[in-house]
PDB file of N, CA and C in Angstrom:
ATOM      1  N   MET A   1     105.395-125.208 142.253  1.00  0.00           N
ATOM      2  CA  MET A   1     106.436-124.811 141.413  1.00  0.00           C
ATOM      3  C   MET A   1     106.551-123.823 141.599  1.00  0.00           C
ATOM      4  N   LEU A   2     108.169-123.573 141.415  1.00  0.00           N
ATOM      5  CA  LEU A   2     108.616-122.110 141.760  1.00  0.00           C
ATOM      6  C   LEU A   2     108.567-121.087 140.462  1.00  0.00           C
ATOM      7  N   LYS A   3     108.663-120.131 140.789  1.00  0.00           N
ATOM      8  CA  LYS A   3     108.214-118.962 139.918  1.00  0.00           C
ATOM      9  C   LYS A   3     109.402-118.595 138.787  1.00  0.00           C
ATOM     10  N   SER A   4     109.552-118.407 137.718  1.00  0.00           N
ATOM     11  CA  SER A   4     110.965-118.332 136.728  1.00  0.00           C
ATOM     12  C   SER A   4     111.951-117.856 137.113  1.00  0.00           C
ATOM     13  N   GLY A   5     111.882-116.653 137.734  1.00  0.00           N
ATOM     14  CA  GLY A   5     112.886-115.994 138.418  1.00  0.00           C
ATOM     15  C   GLY A   5     113.332-116.417 139.577  1.00  0.00           C
ATOM     16  N   LEU A   6     112.750-116.861 140.528  1.00  0.00           N
ATOM     17  CA  LEU A   6     113.289-117.502 141.832  1.00  0.00           C
ATOM     18  C   LEU A   6     114.180-119.264 140.931  1.00  0.00           C
ATOM     19  N   ARG A   7     113.527-119.806 140.351  1.00  0.00           N
ATOM     20  CA  ARG A   7     114.196-121.319 139.587  1.00  0.00           C
ATOM     21  C   ARG A   7     115.178-120.552 139.553  1.00  0.00           C
ATOM     22  N   ARG A   8     115.385-119.727 138.339  1.00  0.00           N
ATOM     23  CA  ARG A   8     116.399-119.468 137.708  1.00  0.00           C
ATOM     24  C   ARG A   8     117.730-118.888 138.401  1.00  0.00           C
ATOM     25  N   GLY A   9     117.086-117.890 139.780  1.00  0.00           N
ATOM     26  CA  GLY A   9     118.492-117.446 140.820  1.00  0.00           C
ATOM     27  C   GLY A   9     118.790-118.901 141.743  1.00  0.00           C
ATOM     28  N   LEU A  10     118.172-119.897 141.712  1.00  0.00           N
ATOM     29  CA  LEU A  10     118.217-121.376 142.859  1.00  0.00           C
ATOM     30  C   LEU A  10     119.558-121.844 141.617  1.00  0.00           C
ATOM     31  N   LEU A  11     119.227-121.759 140.431  1.00  0.00           N
ATOM     32  CA  LEU A  11     120.168-122.441 139.351  1.00  0.00           C
ATOM     33  C   LEU A  11     121.641-122.170 139.300  1.00  0.00           C
ATOM     34  N   SER A  12     121.237-120.482 139.337  1.00  0.00           N
ATOM     35  CA  SER A  12     122.409-119.859 139.387  1.00  0.00           C
ATOM     36  C   SER A  12     123.664-120.479 140.738  1.00  0.00           C
ATOM     37  N   VAL A  13     122.796-120.131 142.109  1.00  0.00           N
ATOM     38  CA  VAL A  13     123.589-120.539 142.759  1.00  0.00           C
ATOM     39  C   VAL A  13     124.159-121.865 143.203  1.00  0.00           C
ATOM     40  N   CYS A  14     123.314-122.731 142.654  1.00  0.00           N
ATOM     41  CA  CYS A  14     123.378-124.245 142.266  1.00  0.00           C
ATOM     42  C   CYS A  14     124.899-124.311 141.524  1.00  0.00           C
ATOM     43  N   GLY A  15     124.985-122.990 140.565  1.00  0.00           N
ATOM     44  CA  GLY A  15     125.998-123.586 139.251  1.00  0.00           C
ATOM     45  C   GLY A  15     127.411-123.009 140.177  1.00  0.00           C
ATOM     46  N   VAL A  16     126.786-121.868 140.728  1.00  0.00           N
ATOM     47  CA  VAL A  16     128.226-121.098 141.594  1.00  0.00           C
ATOM     48  C   VAL A  16     129.140-122.405 142.394  1.00  0.00           C
ATOM     49  N   LEU A  17     127.931-122.706 143.035  1.00  0.00           N
ATOM     50  CA  LEU A  17     128.289-123.907 144.344  1.00  0.00           C
ATOM     51  C   LEU A  17     129.099-125.481 143.211  1.00  0.00           C
ATOM     52  N   PHE A  18     128.843-125.349 142.097  1.00  0.00           N
ATOM     53  CA  PHE A  18     128.988-126.676 141.350  1.00  0.00           C
ATOM     54  C   PHE A  18     130.455-126.114 140.744  1.00  0.00           C
ATOM     55  N   VAL A  19     130.518-124.686 140.693  1.00  0.00           N
ATOM     56  CA  VAL A  19     131.724-124.291 139.944  1.00  0.00           C
ATOM     57  C   VAL A  19     132.866-124.339 140.826  1.00  0.00           C
ATOM     58  N   SER A  20     132.223-124.160 142.581  1.00  0.00           N
ATOM     59  CA  SER A  20     133.341-124.178 143.540  1.00  0.00           C
ATOM     60  C   SER A  20     134.056-125.679 144.039  1.00  0.00           C
ATOM     61  N   LEU A  21     133.093-126.378 143.878  1.00  0.00           N
ATOM     62  CA  LEU A  21     133.199-127.964 144.055  1.00  0.00           C
ATOM     63  C   LEU A  21     134.124-128.506 143.038  1.00  0.00           C
ATOM     64  N   ALA A  22     134.022-127.638 141.816  1.00  0.00           N
ATOM     65  CA  ALA A  22     134.839-128.422 140.485  1.00  0.00           C
ATOM     66  C   ALA A  22     136.334-127.683 140.505  1.00  0.00           C
ATOM     67  N   THR A  23     136.570-126.554 140.805  1.00  0.00           N
ATOM     68  CA  THR A  23     137.791-126.196 141.622  1.00  0.00           C
ATOM     69  C   THR A  23     138.756-126.664 142.576  1.00  0.00           C
ATOM     70  N   LEU A  24     137.971-126.873 143.729  1.00  0.00           N
ATOM     71  CA  LEU A  24     138.339-127.437 145.337  1.00  0.00           C
ATOM     72  C   LEU A  24     138.931-128.805 144.064  1.00  0.00           C
ATOM     73  N   GLY A  25     138.346-129.550 143.795  1.00  0.00           N
ATOM     74  CA  GLY A  25     138.478-130.902 142.709  1.00  0.00           C
ATOM     75  C   GLY A  25     139.583-130.870 141.901  1.00  0.00           C
ATOM     76  N   ILE A  26     139.951-129.253 141.464  1.00  0.00           N
ATOM     77  CA  ILE A  26     141.404-129.354 140.939  1.00  0.00           C
ATOM     78  C   ILE A  26     142.585-129.760 141.862  1.00  0.00           C
ATOM     79  N   LEU A  27     142.372-129.414 143.042  1.00  0.00           N
ATOM     80  CA  LEU A  27     142.945-129.176 143.958  1.00  0.00           C
ATOM     81  C   LEU A  27     143.221-130.752 144.990  1.00  0.00           C
ATOM     82  N   LEU A  28     142.310-131.299 145.072  1.00  0.00           N
ATOM     83  CA  LEU A  28     141.933-131.909 145.959  1.00  0.00           C
ATOM     84  C   LEU A  28     141.209-133.645 145.055  1.00  0.00           C
ATOM     85  N   PRO A  29     142.101-134.375 145.267  1.00  0.00           N
ATOM     86  CA  PRO A  29     142.325-135.380 144.171  1.00  0.00           C
ATOM     87  C   PRO A  29     141.212-136.173 144.113  1.00  0.00           C
ATOM     88  N   LEU A  30     140.831-136.594 145.392  1.00  0.00           N
ATOM     89  CA  LEU A  30     138.953-137.115 145.849  1.00  0.00           C
ATOM     90  C   LEU A  30     137.889-136.694 145.313  1.00  0.00           C
ATOM     91  N   LEU A  31     137.835-135.331 144.944  1.00  0.00           N
ATOM     92  CA  LEU A  31     136.738-134.621 144.783  1.00  0.00           C
ATOM     93  C   LEU A  31     136.604-134.476 143.059  1.00  0.00           C
ATOM     94  N   PRO A  32     135.931-135.131 142.430  1.00  0.00           N
ATOM     95  CA  PRO A  32     135.682-135.211 141.362  1.00  0.00           C
ATOM     96  C   PRO A  32     135.587-133.789 140.744  1.00  0.00           C
ATOM     97  N   THR A  33     136.356-133.075 139.262  1.00  0.00           N
ATOM     98  CA  THR A  33     135.947-131.970 139.055  1.00  0.00           C
ATOM     99  C   THR A  33     135.163-132.170 138.019  1.00  0.00           C
ATOM    100  N   THR A  34     135.045-132.621 136.489  1.00  0.00           N
ATOM    101  CA  THR A  34     134.426-132.626 135.693  1.00  0.00           C
ATOM    102  C   THR A  34     132.708-132.770 135.920  1.00  0.00           C
ATOM    103  N   PRO A  35     132.529-133.710 136.778  1.00  0.00           N
ATOM    104  CA  PRO A  35     131.063-133.683 136.929  1.00  0.00           C
ATOM    105  C   PRO A  35     130.402-132.863 137.276  1.00  0.00           C
ATOM    106  N   PHE A  36     131.339-131.926 138.428  1.00  0.00           N
ATOM    107  CA  PHE A  36     130.569-130.803 139.158  1.00  0.00           C
ATOM    108  C   PHE A  36     130.648-129.563 138.163  1.00  0.00           C
ATOM    109  N   LEU A  37     131.783-129.881 137.393  1.00  0.00           N
ATOM    110  CA  LEU A  37     131.573-128.969 136.579  1.00  0.00           C
ATOM    111  C   LEU A  37     130.397-129.015 134.977  1.00  0.00           C
ATOM    112  N   LEU A  38     130.288-130.253 134.820  1.00  0.00           N
ATOM    113  CA  LEU A  38     129.029-130.534 133.974  1.00  0.00           C
ATOM    114  C   LEU A  38     127.813-130.290 134.274  1.00  0.00           C
ATOM    115  N   LEU A  39     127.729-130.484 135.761  1.00  0.00           N
ATOM    116  CA  LEU A  39     126.476-129.948 136.939  1.00  0.00           C
ATOM    117  C   LEU A  39     126.507-128.392 136.547  1.00  0.00           C
ATOM    118  N   ALA A  40     127.141-128.248 136.646  1.00  0.00           N
ATOM    119  CA  ALA A  40     127.303-126.159 136.726  1.00  0.00           C
ATOM    120  C   ALA A  40     126.927-125.901 135.166  1.00  0.00           C
ATOM    121  N   ALA A  41     127.417-126.285 134.274  1.00  0.00           N
ATOM    122  CA  ALA A  41     126.888-126.195 132.892  1.00  0.00           C
ATOM    123  C   ALA A  41     125.626-126.410 133.008  1.00  0.00           C
ATOM    124  N   ALA A  42     125.406-127.254 132.854  1.00  0.00           N
ATOM    125  CA  ALA A  42     123.240-127.897 133.586  1.00  0.00           C
ATOM    126  C   ALA A  42     122.795-126.604 133.953  1.00  0.00           C
ATOM    127  N   CYS A  43     123.382-126.194 135.455  1.00  0.00           N
ATOM    128  CA  CYS A  43     122.383-125.370 135.848  1.00  0.00           C
ATOM    129  C   CYS A  43     122.122-123.903 135.276  1.00  0.00           C
ATOM    130  N   PHE A  44     123.616-123.417 134.597  1.00  0.00           N
ATOM    131  CA  PHE A  44     123.834-122.149 133.928  1.00  0.00           C
ATOM    132  C   PHE A  44     123.241-122.293 132.374  1.00  0.00           C
ATOM    133  N   ILE A  45     122.837-123.004 131.683  1.00  0.00           N
ATOM    134  CA  ILE A  45     122.324-123.038 130.605  1.00  0.00           C
ATOM    135  C   ILE A  45     120.739-122.696 130.760  1.00  0.00           C
ATOM    136  N   ARG A  46     120.239-123.607 131.818  1.00  0.00           N
ATOM    137  CA  ARG A  46     118.980-123.152 132.061  1.00  0.00           C
ATOM    138  C   ARG A  46     118.707-121.706 132.924  1.00  0.00           C
ATOM    139  N   SER A  47     120.087-121.058 133.622  1.00  0.00           N
ATOM    140  CA  SER A  47     119.182-119.841 134.274  1.00  0.00           C
ATOM    141  C   SER A  47     120.066-118.864 133.754  1.00  0.00           C
ATOM    142  N   SER A  48     121.309-118.886 133.095  1.00  0.00           N
ATOM    143  CA  SER A  48     122.024-117.441 132.901  1.00  0.00           C
ATOM    144  C   SER A  48     123.210-117.977 131.293  1.00  0.00           C
ATOM    145  N   ASP A  49     122.657-117.149 130.441  1.00  0.00           N
ATOM    146  CA  ASP A  49     123.611-117.446 129.097  1.00  0.00           C
ATOM    147  C   ASP A  49     124.662-116.566 129.437  1.00  0.00           C
ATOM    148  N   ARG A  50     125.154-115.860 130.521  1.00  0.00           N
ATOM    149  CA  ARG A  50     126.247-114.933 130.860  1.00  0.00           C
ATOM    150  C   ARG A  50     127.133-116.173 131.599  1.00  0.00           C
ATOM    151  N   LEU A  51     126.937-116.769 132.438  1.00  0.00           N
ATOM    152  CA  LEU A  51     127.480-117.799 133.378  1.00  0.00           C
ATOM    153  C   LEU A  51     127.833-118.617 132.238  1.00  0.00           C
ATOM    154  N   TYR A  52     127.204-119.355 131.674  1.00  0.00           N
ATOM    155  CA  TYR A  52     127.520-120.305 130.886  1.00  0.00           C
ATOM    156  C   TYR A  52     128.106-120.306 130.053  1.00  0.00           C
ATOM    157  N   ARG A  53     128.233-118.915 129.073  1.00  0.00           N
ATOM    158  CA  ARG A  53     129.830-118.561 128.467  1.00  0.00           C
ATOM    159  C   ARG A  53     130.570-118.545 128.692  1.00  0.00           C
ATOM    160  N   TRP A  54     130.072-117.621 130.020  1.00  0.00           N
ATOM    161  CA  TRP A  54     132.051-117.578 130.921  1.00  0.00           C
ATOM    162  C   TRP A  54     132.222-119.248 131.189  1.00  0.00           C
ATOM    163  N   LEU A  55     131.498-120.067 131.599  1.00  0.00           N
ATOM    164  CA  LEU A  55     132.121-121.079 131.923  1.00  0.00           C
ATOM    165  C   LEU A  55     132.928-122.156 130.719  1.00  0.00           C
ATOM    166  N   ILE A  56     132.296-122.216 129.679  1.00  0.00           N
ATOM    167  CA  ILE A  56     132.953-122.985 128.753  1.00  0.00           C
ATOM    168  C   ILE A  56     134.006-121.797 127.750  1.00  0.00           C
ATOM    169  N   ALA A  57     134.126-120.958 128.199  1.00  0.00           N
ATOM    170  CA  ALA A  57     135.033-119.806 127.421  1.00  0.00           C
ATOM    171  C   ALA A  57     135.761-119.959 128.481  1.00  0.00           C
ATOM    172  N   HIS A  58     135.990-120.388 130.028  1.00  0.00           N
ATOM    173  CA  HIS A  58     137.223-120.082 130.796  1.00  0.00           C
ATOM    174  C   HIS A  58     138.150-120.702 130.603  1.00  0.00           C
ATOM    175  N   LYS A  59     139.324-120.329 130.792  1.00  0.00           N
ATOM    176  CA  LYS A  59     140.831-120.715 130.268  1.00  0.00           C
ATOM    177  C   LYS A  59     141.341-122.186 130.645  1.00  0.00           C
ATOM    178  N   TRP A  60     140.796-122.440 132.167  1.00  0.00           N
ATOM    179  CA  TRP A  60     141.278-123.372 132.939  1.00  0.00           C
ATOM    180  C   TRP A  60     139.760-124.440 132.734  1.00  0.00           C
ATOM    181  N   LEU A  61     138.754-123.810 133.117  1.00  0.00           N
ATOM    182  CA  LEU A  61     137.832-124.846 133.486  1.00  0.00           C
ATOM    183  C   LEU A  61     137.022-125.678 132.410  1.00  0.00           C
ATOM    184  N   GLY A  62     136.645-124.216 130.978  1.00  0.00           N
ATOM    185  CA  GLY A  62     136.300-124.463 129.444  1.00  0.00           C
ATOM    186  C   GLY A  62     136.761-125.731 129.281  1.00  0.00           C
ATOM    187  N   PRO A  63     137.991-126.421 129.312  1.00  0.00           N
ATOM    188  CA  PRO A  63     138.327-127.429 128.509  1.00  0.00           C
ATOM    189  C   PRO A  63     138.388-128.980 128.909  1.00  0.00           C
ATOM    190  N   TYR A  64     137.608-128.799 130.517  1.00  0.00           N
ATOM    191  CA  TYR A  64     137.753-129.986 130.666  1.00  0.00           C
ATOM    192  C   TYR A  64     136.285-130.420 130.397  1.00  0.00           C
ATOM    193  N   ILE A  65     135.421-129.152 130.077  1.00  0.00           N
ATOM    194  CA  ILE A  65     133.683-129.844 129.534  1.00  0.00           C
ATOM    195  C   ILE A  65     133.942-130.023 127.977  1.00  0.00           C
ATOM    196  N   GLN A  66     134.512-128.947 127.436  1.00  0.00           N
ATOM    197  CA  GLN A  66     134.653-129.485 125.838  1.00  0.00           C
ATOM    198  C   GLN A  66     135.145-130.891 125.841  1.00  0.00           C
ATOM    199  N   ASN A  67     136.135-131.217 126.366  1.00  0.00           N
ATOM    200  CA  ASN A  67     136.689-132.474 126.249  1.00  0.00           C
ATOM    201  C   ASN A  67     135.605-133.672 126.505  1.00  0.00           C
ATOM    202  N   TYR A  68     135.348-133.579 127.747  1.00  0.00           N
ATOM    203  CA  TYR A  68     133.951-134.613 128.059  1.00  0.00           C
ATOM    204  C   TYR A  68     133.399-134.568 127.182  1.00  0.00           C
ATOM    205  N   ARG A  69     132.328-133.698 126.421  1.00  0.00           N
ATOM    206  CA  ARG A  69     131.378-133.449 125.684  1.00  0.00           C
ATOM    207  C   ARG A  69     131.727-133.903 124.437  1.00  0.00           C
ATOM    208  N   GLU A  70     132.967-133.790 124.296  1.00  0.00           N
ATOM    209  CA  GLU A  70     133.166-134.290 122.315  1.00  0.00           C
ATOM    210  C   GLU A  70     134.129-135.336 122.317  1.00  0.00           C
ATOM    211  N   HIS A  71     134.563-135.737 123.044  1.00  0.00           N
ATOM    212  CA  HIS A  71     135.760-136.629 122.954  1.00  0.00           C
ATOM    213  C   HIS A  71     135.432-137.519 124.672  1.00  0.00           C
ATOM    214  N   ARG A  72     134.782-137.620 125.772  1.00  0.00           N
ATOM    215  CA  ARG A  72     134.606-138.480 126.569  1.00  0.00           C
ATOM    216  C   ARG A  72     135.982-139.018 126.837  1.00  0.00           C
ATOM    217  N   ALA A  73     136.946-137.909 126.902  1.00  0.00           N
ATOM    218  CA  ALA A  73     138.931-138.341 126.953  1.00  0.00           C
ATOM    219  C   ALA A  73     139.225-137.316 127.839  1.00  0.00           C
ATOM    220  N   LEU A  74     140.390-137.534 128.421  1.00  0.00           N
ATOM    221  CA  LEU A  74     141.018-136.669 129.189  1.00  0.00           C
ATOM    222  C   LEU A  74     142.504-136.318 128.566  1.00  0.00           C
ATOM    223  N   THR A  75     143.057-135.082 128.809  1.00  0.00           N
ATOM    224  CA  THR A  75     144.700-135.223 128.384  1.00  0.00           C
ATOM    225  C   THR A  75     145.735-136.172 129.424  1.00  0.00           C
ATOM    226  N   LEU A  76     146.820-136.717 128.684  1.00  0.00           N
ATOM    227  CA  LEU A  76     147.784-137.517 129.677  1.00  0.00           C
ATOM    228  C   LEU A  76     148.016-136.502 130.546  1.00  0.00           C
ATOM    229  N   ARG A  77     148.177-135.112 130.255  1.00  0.00           N
ATOM    230  CA  ARG A  77     148.731-134.405 131.606  1.00  0.00           C
ATOM    231  C   ARG A  77     147.673-134.114 132.586  1.00  0.00           C
ATOM    232  N   ALA A  78     146.106-134.605 132.230  1.00  0.00           N
ATOM    233  CA  ALA A  78     145.049-134.544 133.393  1.00  0.00           C
ATOM    234  C   ALA A  78     145.128-135.791 134.255  1.00  0.00           C
ATOM    235  N   LYS A  79     144.981-136.744 133.265  1.00  0.00           N
ATOM    236  CA  LYS A  79     145.337-137.860 134.120  1.00  0.00           C
ATOM    237  C   LYS A  79     146.459-138.366 134.669  1.00  0.00           C
ATOM    238  N   ALA A  80     147.525-137.742 134.832  1.00  0.00           N
ATOM    239  CA  ALA A  80     148.762-137.623 135.922  1.00  0.00           C
ATOM    240  C   ALA A  80     148.758-136.784 136.729  1.00  0.00           C
ATOM    241  N   VAL A  81     148.372-135.872 136.274  1.00  0.00           N
ATOM    242  CA  VAL A  81     148.109-135.021 137.812  1.00  0.00           C
ATOM    243  C   VAL A  81     147.241-135.593 138.428  1.00  0.00           C
ATOM    244  N   THR A  82     146.103-136.297 137.767  1.00  0.00           N
ATOM    245  CA  THR A  82     145.247-136.591 138.710  1.00  0.00           C
ATOM    246  C   THR A  82     145.762-137.594 139.541  1.00  0.00           C
ATOM    247  N   VAL A  83     146.090-138.790 139.062  1.00  0.00           N
ATOM    248  CA  VAL A  83     146.604-140.037 139.632  1.00  0.00           C
ATOM    249  C   VAL A  83     147.939-139.558 140.256  1.00  0.00           C
ATOM    250  N   VAL A  84     148.685-138.603 139.748  1.00  0.00           N
ATOM    251  CA  VAL A  84     149.767-138.657 140.862  1.00  0.00           C
ATOM    252  C   VAL A  84     149.523-137.568 142.234  1.00  0.00           C
ATOM    253  N   LEU A  85     148.005-136.565 142.258  1.00  0.00           N
ATOM    254  CA  LEU A  85     148.109-136.273 143.490  1.00  0.00           C
ATOM    255  C   LEU A  85     147.346-136.933 144.473  1.00  0.00           C
ATOM    256  N   LEU A  86     146.348-137.730 143.395  1.00  0.00           N
ATOM    257  CA  LEU A  86     146.020-138.796 144.597  1.00  0.00           C
ATOM    258  C   LEU A  86     146.501-139.316 145.573  1.00  0.00           C
ATOM    259  N   TRP A  87     147.622-140.023 144.866  1.00  0.00           N
ATOM    260  CA  TRP A  87     148.206-140.880 145.742  1.00  0.00           C
ATOM    261  C   TRP A  87     149.544-140.381 146.655  1.00  0.00           C
ATOM    262  N   ILE A  88     149.965-139.079 146.350  1.00  0.00           N
ATOM    263  CA  ILE A  88     150.623-138.183 147.066  1.00  0.00           C
ATOM    264  C   ILE A  88     149.382-137.865 148.391  1.00  0.00           C
ATOM    265  N   THR A  89     148.269-137.470 148.426  1.00  0.00           N
ATOM    266  CA  THR A  89     147.221-137.148 149.641  1.00  0.00           C
ATOM    267  C   THR A  89     147.019-138.863 149.738  1.00  0.00           C
ATOM    268  N   LEU A  90     146.649-139.685 149.299  1.00  0.00           N
ATOM    269  CA  LEU A  90     146.524-140.915 149.897  1.00  0.00           C
ATOM    270  C   LEU A  90     147.413-141.297 150.851  1.00  0.00           C
ATOM    271  N   GLY A  91     148.531-141.312 150.169  1.00  0.00           N
ATOM    272  CA  GLY A  91     149.966-141.811 150.803  1.00  0.00           C
ATOM    273  C   GLY A  91     150.060-141.308 152.134  1.00  0.00           C
ATOM    274  N   PHE A  92     150.079-139.755 152.147  1.00  0.00           N
ATOM    275  CA  PHE A  92     150.024-139.043 153.370  1.00  0.00           C
ATOM    276  C   PHE A  92     149.287-139.285 154.132  1.00  0.00           C
ATOM    277  N   THR A  93     147.765-139.112 154.034  1.00  0.00           N
ATOM    278  CA  THR A  93     146.890-139.464 154.811  1.00  0.00           C
ATOM    279  C   THR A  93     147.295-141.259 155.464  1.00  0.00           C
ATOM    280  N   ILE A  94     147.184-142.424 154.455  1.00  0.00           N
ATOM    281  CA  ILE A  94     147.777-143.262 155.139  1.00  0.00           C
ATOM    282  C   ILE A  94     148.712-143.399 156.412  1.00  0.00           C
ATOM    283  N   ILE A  95     149.699-143.312 155.612  1.00  0.00           N
ATOM    284  CA  ILE A  95     150.981-142.698 156.332  1.00  0.00           C
ATOM    285  C   ILE A  95     151.076-142.076 157.672  1.00  0.00           C
ATOM    286  N   GLY A  96     150.562-140.940 157.272  1.00  0.00           N
ATOM    287  CA  GLY A  96     151.182-139.871 158.475  1.00  0.00           C
ATOM    288  C   GLY A  96     149.545-140.140 159.501  1.00  0.00           C
ATOM    289  N   LEU A  97     148.750-139.818 158.727  1.00  0.00           N
ATOM    290  CA  LEU A  97     146.915-139.597 159.343  1.00  0.00           C
ATOM    291  C   LEU A  97     146.538-140.667 160.310  1.00  0.00           C
ATOM    292  N   ILE A  98     146.424-141.575 159.596  1.00  0.00           N
ATOM    293  CA  ILE A  98     145.222-143.115 159.805  1.00  0.00           C
ATOM    294  C   ILE A  98     146.471-143.842 160.590  1.00  0.00           C
ATOM    295  N   ASP A  99     145.438-144.208 162.185  1.00  0.00           N
ATOM    296  CA  ASP A  99     146.721-145.458 162.635  1.00  0.00           C
ATOM    297  C   ASP A  99     145.489-146.762 162.303  1.00  0.00           C
ATOM    298  N   ASN A 100     144.438-146.862 161.873  1.00  0.00           N
ATOM    299  CA  ASN A 100     143.492-147.868 161.455  1.00  0.00           C
ATOM    300  C   ASN A 100     143.931-148.272 160.808  1.00  0.00           C
ATOM    301  N   LEU A 101     143.966-150.103 160.368  1.00  0.00           N
ATOM    302  CA  LEU A 101     144.554-150.540 159.268  1.00  0.00           C
ATOM    303  C   LEU A 101     143.264-151.043 158.756  1.00  0.00           C
ATOM    304  N   MET A 102     142.079-151.195 158.853  1.00  0.00           N
ATOM    305  CA  MET A 102     140.889-151.566 158.010  1.00  0.00           C
ATOM    306  C   MET A 102     140.685-149.986 157.480  1.00  0.00           C
ATOM    307  N   ILE A 103     141.105-148.846 157.823  1.00  0.00           N
ATOM    308  CA  ILE A 103     140.365-147.658 156.978  1.00  0.00           C
ATOM    309  C   ILE A 103     142.114-147.777 156.084  1.00  0.00           C
ATOM    310  N   GLN A 104     142.669-147.920 156.258  1.00  0.00           N
ATOM    311  CA  GLN A 104     144.718-147.849 155.768  1.00  0.00           C
ATOM    312  C   GLN A 104     143.766-148.784 154.094  1.00  0.00           C
ATOM    313  N   ILE A 105     143.517-149.568 154.366  1.00  0.00           N
ATOM    314  CA  ILE A 105     143.091-151.007 153.390  1.00  0.00           C
ATOM    315  C   ILE A 105     141.596-150.236 152.359  1.00  0.00           C
ATOM    316  N   ALA A 106     140.602-149.424 153.231  1.00  0.00           N
ATOM    317  CA  ALA A 106     139.798-148.998 152.537  1.00  0.00           C
ATOM    318  C   ALA A 106     140.655-147.706 151.382  1.00  0.00           C
ATOM    319  N   LEU A 107     141.473-146.615 151.929  1.00  0.00           N
ATOM    320  CA  LEU A 107     142.232-145.951 151.361  1.00  0.00           C
ATOM    321  C   LEU A 107     142.630-146.404 149.824  1.00  0.00           C
ATOM    322  N   VAL A 108     143.461-147.237 150.141  1.00  0.00           N
ATOM    323  CA  VAL A 108     143.926-148.281 149.061  1.00  0.00           C
ATOM    324  C   VAL A 108     143.444-148.591 148.229  1.00  0.00           C
ATOM    325  N   LEU A 109     141.962-149.181 148.826  1.00  0.00           N
ATOM    326  CA  LEU A 109     140.942-149.943 147.573  1.00  0.00           C
ATOM    327  C   LEU A 109     140.277-148.309 146.787  1.00  0.00           C
ATOM    328  N   ILE A 110     140.035-147.645 147.837  1.00  0.00           N
ATOM    329  CA  ILE A 110     139.056-146.761 146.893  1.00  0.00           C
ATOM    330  C   ILE A 110     139.983-145.558 145.543  1.00  0.00           C
ATOM    331  N   GLY A 111     141.281-145.327 146.166  1.00  0.00           N
ATOM    332  CA  GLY A 111     142.348-145.206 145.321  1.00  0.00           C
ATOM    333  C   GLY A 111     142.725-145.286 144.037  1.00  0.00           C
ATOM    334  N   THR A 112     143.038-147.126 144.410  1.00  0.00           N
ATOM    335  CA  THR A 112     142.544-147.724 143.227  1.00  0.00           C
ATOM    336  C   THR A 112     141.524-148.051 142.380  1.00  0.00           C
ATOM    337  N   GLY A 113     140.550-147.886 143.340  1.00  0.00           N
ATOM    338  CA  GLY A 113     139.344-147.726 141.465  1.00  0.00           C
ATOM    339  C   GLY A 113     139.418-146.193 141.264  1.00  0.00           C
ATOM    340  N   VAL A 114     139.954-145.241 142.234  1.00  0.00           N
ATOM    341  CA  VAL A 114     140.045-144.011 141.350  1.00  0.00           C
ATOM    342  C   VAL A 114     140.684-143.789 140.205  1.00  0.00           C
ATOM    343  N   THR A 115     142.077-144.568 140.354  1.00  0.00           N
ATOM    344  CA  THR A 115     143.126-144.694 139.445  1.00  0.00           C
ATOM    345  C   THR A 115     142.659-145.519 138.266  1.00  0.00           C
ATOM    346  N   VAL A 116     141.962-146.663 138.521  1.00  0.00           N
ATOM    347  CA  VAL A 116     141.679-147.058 137.338  1.00  0.00           C
ATOM    348  C   VAL A 116     140.772-146.698 136.465  1.00  0.00           C
ATOM    349  N   HIS A 117     139.727-145.933 137.095  1.00  0.00           N
ATOM    350  CA  HIS A 117     138.498-144.996 136.683  1.00  0.00           C
ATOM    351  C   HIS A 117     138.959-143.931 135.796  1.00  0.00           C
ATOM    352  N   VAL A 118     140.572-143.203 136.335  1.00  0.00           N
ATOM    353  CA  VAL A 118     140.590-141.876 135.196  1.00  0.00           C
ATOM    354  C   VAL A 118     141.394-143.134 134.148  1.00  0.00           C
ATOM    355  N   LEU A 119     142.366-143.854 134.401  1.00  0.00           N
ATOM    356  CA  LEU A 119     142.758-144.523 133.585  1.00  0.00           C
ATOM    357  C   LEU A 119     142.422-144.872 131.942  1.00  0.00           C
ATOM    358  N   ARG A 120     140.603-145.443 132.648  1.00  0.00           N
ATOM    359  CA  ARG A 120     140.331-145.750 131.414  1.00  0.00           C
ATOM    360  C   ARG A 120     139.567-144.824 130.931  1.00  0.00           C
ATOM    361  N   TYR A 121     139.771-143.382 130.948  1.00  0.00           N
ATOM    362  CA  TYR A 121     138.830-142.665 130.208  1.00  0.00           C
ATOM    363  C   TYR A 121     140.399-142.982 128.760  1.00  0.00           C
ATOM    364  N   ASN A 122     139.886-142.293 127.610  1.00  0.00           N
ATOM    365  CA  ASN A 122     140.307-142.332 126.072  1.00  0.00           C
ATOM    366  C   ASN A 122     141.428-141.116 126.523  1.00  0.00           C
ATOM    367  N   THR A 123     142.395-140.791 125.880  1.00  0.00           N
ATOM    368  CA  THR A 123     143.879-140.082 125.910  1.00  0.00           C
ATOM    369  C   THR A 123     143.181-139.299 125.205  1.00  0.00           C
ATOM    370  N   LEU A 124     143.691-137.960 125.626  1.00  0.00           N
ATOM    371  CA  LEU A 124     143.320-136.893 124.091  1.00  0.00           C
ATOM    372  C   LEU A 124     144.743-136.961 123.731  1.00  0.00           C
ATOM    373  N   PRO A 125     144.687-137.036 121.995  1.00  0.00           N
ATOM    374  CA  PRO A 125     146.180-137.235 121.405  1.00  0.00           C
ATOM    375  C   PRO A 125     146.855-135.730 121.322  1.00  0.00           C
ATOM    376  N   ARG A 126     147.865-135.401 121.678  1.00  0.00           N
ATOM    377  CA  ARG A 126     148.549-133.590 121.577  1.00  0.00           C
ATOM    378  C   ARG A 126     147.903-133.185 120.340  1.00  0.00           C
ATOM    379  N   ASP A 127     147.645-131.648 120.335  1.00  0.00           N
ATOM    380  CA  ASP A 127     147.352-131.088 119.295  1.00  0.00           C
ATOM    381  C   ASP A 127     148.017-130.322 118.815  1.00  0.00           C
TER     382      ASP A 127
END
């Protein structure tokens, strides 16, 4: 069993890694944001009250966690940005980078699945 200090340090490092991946997920549509933020919050709540409070209170990252925890929902803007960036990225990849038809079809199917998944979340009403 890991000693308490080592365990907390490892959880803090994992939490920072998950926040980094979530931040990349904001920019890269195929990388999810909310699951990584939820993992980071779980790591921080077990390792560092300061980091947990920072994450929950963060101007841009905190609402992802709050909306998911309280409503299991996304804002209309988050849905739109996710779907638009997803298809811009996939379109560029399919048209400009990939010559293999099977891979192109696979990317379209993956994009369709991600789009359906995102759109199935409840939409938060405007405040």
